[in-house]
Amino acid sequence: MHSKLNNLLKKLREDERGLSTVEYVVLLVLIVAIAVALWNVFGNLLVTKLSAAATEFDEEVVTSKKGSNEGTDEGQAAGDITKAGVGDGQGAPKN
């Protein structure tokens, strides 16, 4: 009985058929772990940069919309009415 167990253990130690598969699985797990870590770092950085760019873009759009009515006939007419004391620039008369 003892010799059968020793023979079985000897065969298991000498059997290298599954080692290459295990090595590839370990390598794959390491690559995935590194990829996830990089994704977290650069993903957060990318979100931060895109949010800042979107905020800056929104501020410029709001600023350009505020200034866009000043040069038009509509904006000029509203300014003339307000300056003359006739209305509030929106077409409503002052009381």
Protein backbone atom coordinates (compact mmCIF):
# COMPACT_ATOMS: atom_id res chain seq x y z
CA MET A 1 0.00 0.00 0.00
CA HIS A 2 2.78 2.39 0.94
CA SER A 3 4.63 1.71 -2.31
CA LYS A 4 1.48 2.38 -4.39
CA LEU A 5 1.10 5.79 -2.73
CA ASN A 6 4.77 6.59 -3.33
CA ASN A 7 4.48 5.55 -6.97
CA LEU A 8 1.36 7.72 -7.42
CA LEU A 9 3.06 10.73 -5.83
CA LYS A 10 6.17 10.16 -7.97
CA LYS A 11 4.05 10.07 -11.13
CA LEU A 12 2.23 13.27 -10.11
CA ARG A 13 5.52 15.09 -9.48
CA GLU A 14 6.95 14.04 -12.82
CA ASP A 15 3.80 14.82 -14.82
CA GLU A 16 4.22 18.27 -16.42
CA ARG A 17 1.36 18.15 -18.91
CA GLY A 18 -0.79 20.81 -17.23
CA LEU A 19 1.98 23.21 -16.23
CA SER A 20 1.99 25.22 -19.45
CA THR A 21 -1.77 25.75 -19.17
CA VAL A 22 -1.43 26.95 -15.58
CA GLU A 23 1.38 29.30 -16.58
CA TYR A 24 -0.79 30.82 -19.32
CA VAL A 25 -3.71 31.25 -16.93
CA VAL A 26 -1.48 32.99 -14.36
CA LEU A 27 -0.08 35.25 -17.10
CA LEU A 28 -3.58 36.05 -18.31
CA VAL A 29 -4.75 36.91 -14.79
CA LEU A 30 -1.77 39.27 -14.36
CA ILE A 31 -2.48 40.99 -17.67
CA VAL A 32 -6.15 41.44 -16.76
CA ALA A 33 -5.24 42.83 -13.32
CA ILE A 34 -2.86 45.35 -14.88
CA ALA A 35 -5.44 46.33 -17.50
CA VAL A 36 -8.11 46.91 -14.84
CA ALA A 37 -5.72 49.03 -12.76
CA LEU A 38 -4.77 51.13 -15.79
CA TRP A 39 -8.41 51.51 -16.80
CA ASN A 40 -9.29 52.81 -13.33
CA VAL A 41 -6.43 55.31 -13.29
CA PHE A 42 -6.80 56.62 -16.83
CA GLY A 43 -10.59 56.26 -16.86
CA ASN A 44 -10.91 58.60 -13.88
CA LEU A 45 -8.42 61.01 -15.45
CA LEU A 46 -10.35 60.93 -18.71
CA VAL A 47 -13.67 61.59 -16.95
CA THR A 48 -12.12 64.54 -15.09
CA LYS A 49 -10.70 66.06 -18.28
CA LEU A 50 -13.92 65.57 -20.26
CA SER A 51 -16.00 67.10 -17.46
CA ALA A 52 -13.73 70.13 -17.35
CA ALA A 53 -13.93 70.51 -21.12
CA ALA A 54 -17.73 70.20 -21.06
CA THR A 55 -18.00 72.82 -18.32
CA GLU A 56 -15.75 75.21 -20.23
CA PHE A 57 -17.75 74.62 -23.41
CA ASP A 58 -21.04 75.28 -21.59
CA GLU A 59 -19.68 78.52 -20.13
CA GLU A 60 -18.59 79.72 -23.57
CA VAL A 61 -21.97 78.85 -25.09
CA VAL A 62 -23.80 80.79 -22.36
CA THR A 63 -21.43 83.75 -22.75
CA SER A 64 -21.82 83.80 -26.52
CA LYS A 65 -25.62 83.61 -26.25
CA LYS A 66 -25.68 86.59 -23.87
CA GLY A 67 -23.61 88.66 -26.28
CA SER A 68 -25.33 87.45 -29.44
CA ASN A 69 -28.50 89.54 -28.99
CA GLU A 70 -26.56 92.79 -28.57
CA GLY A 71 -25.51 93.06 -32.22
CA THR A 72 -28.82 92.01 -33.77
CA ASP A 73 -31.71 94.24 -34.73
CA GLU A 74 -33.83 92.54 -32.08
CA GLY A 75 -31.28 93.24 -29.36
CA GLN A 76 -30.77 96.80 -30.57
CA ALA A 77 -34.51 97.53 -30.57
CA ALA A 78 -34.88 96.16 -27.06
CA GLY A 79 -31.99 98.35 -25.90
CA ASP A 80 -33.54 101.45 -27.54
CA ILE A 81 -36.87 100.86 -25.81
CA THR A 82 -35.21 100.47 -22.42
CA LYS A 83 -33.06 103.57 -22.88
CA ALA A 84 -36.08 105.66 -23.88
CA GLY A 85 -37.90 104.65 -20.71
CA VAL A 86 -40.78 103.13 -22.65
CA GLY A 87 -40.46 99.54 -21.45
CA ASP A 88 -38.30 96.96 -19.88
CA GLY A 89 -36.75 95.87 -23.17
CA GLN A 90 -39.07 92.88 -23.39
CA GLY A 91 -41.98 94.74 -24.95
CA ALA A 92 -43.89 95.36 -21.71
CA PRO A 93 -44.61 99.01 -20.90
CA LYS A 94 -43.37 100.50 -17.61
CA ASN A 95 -45.94 101.39 -15.00
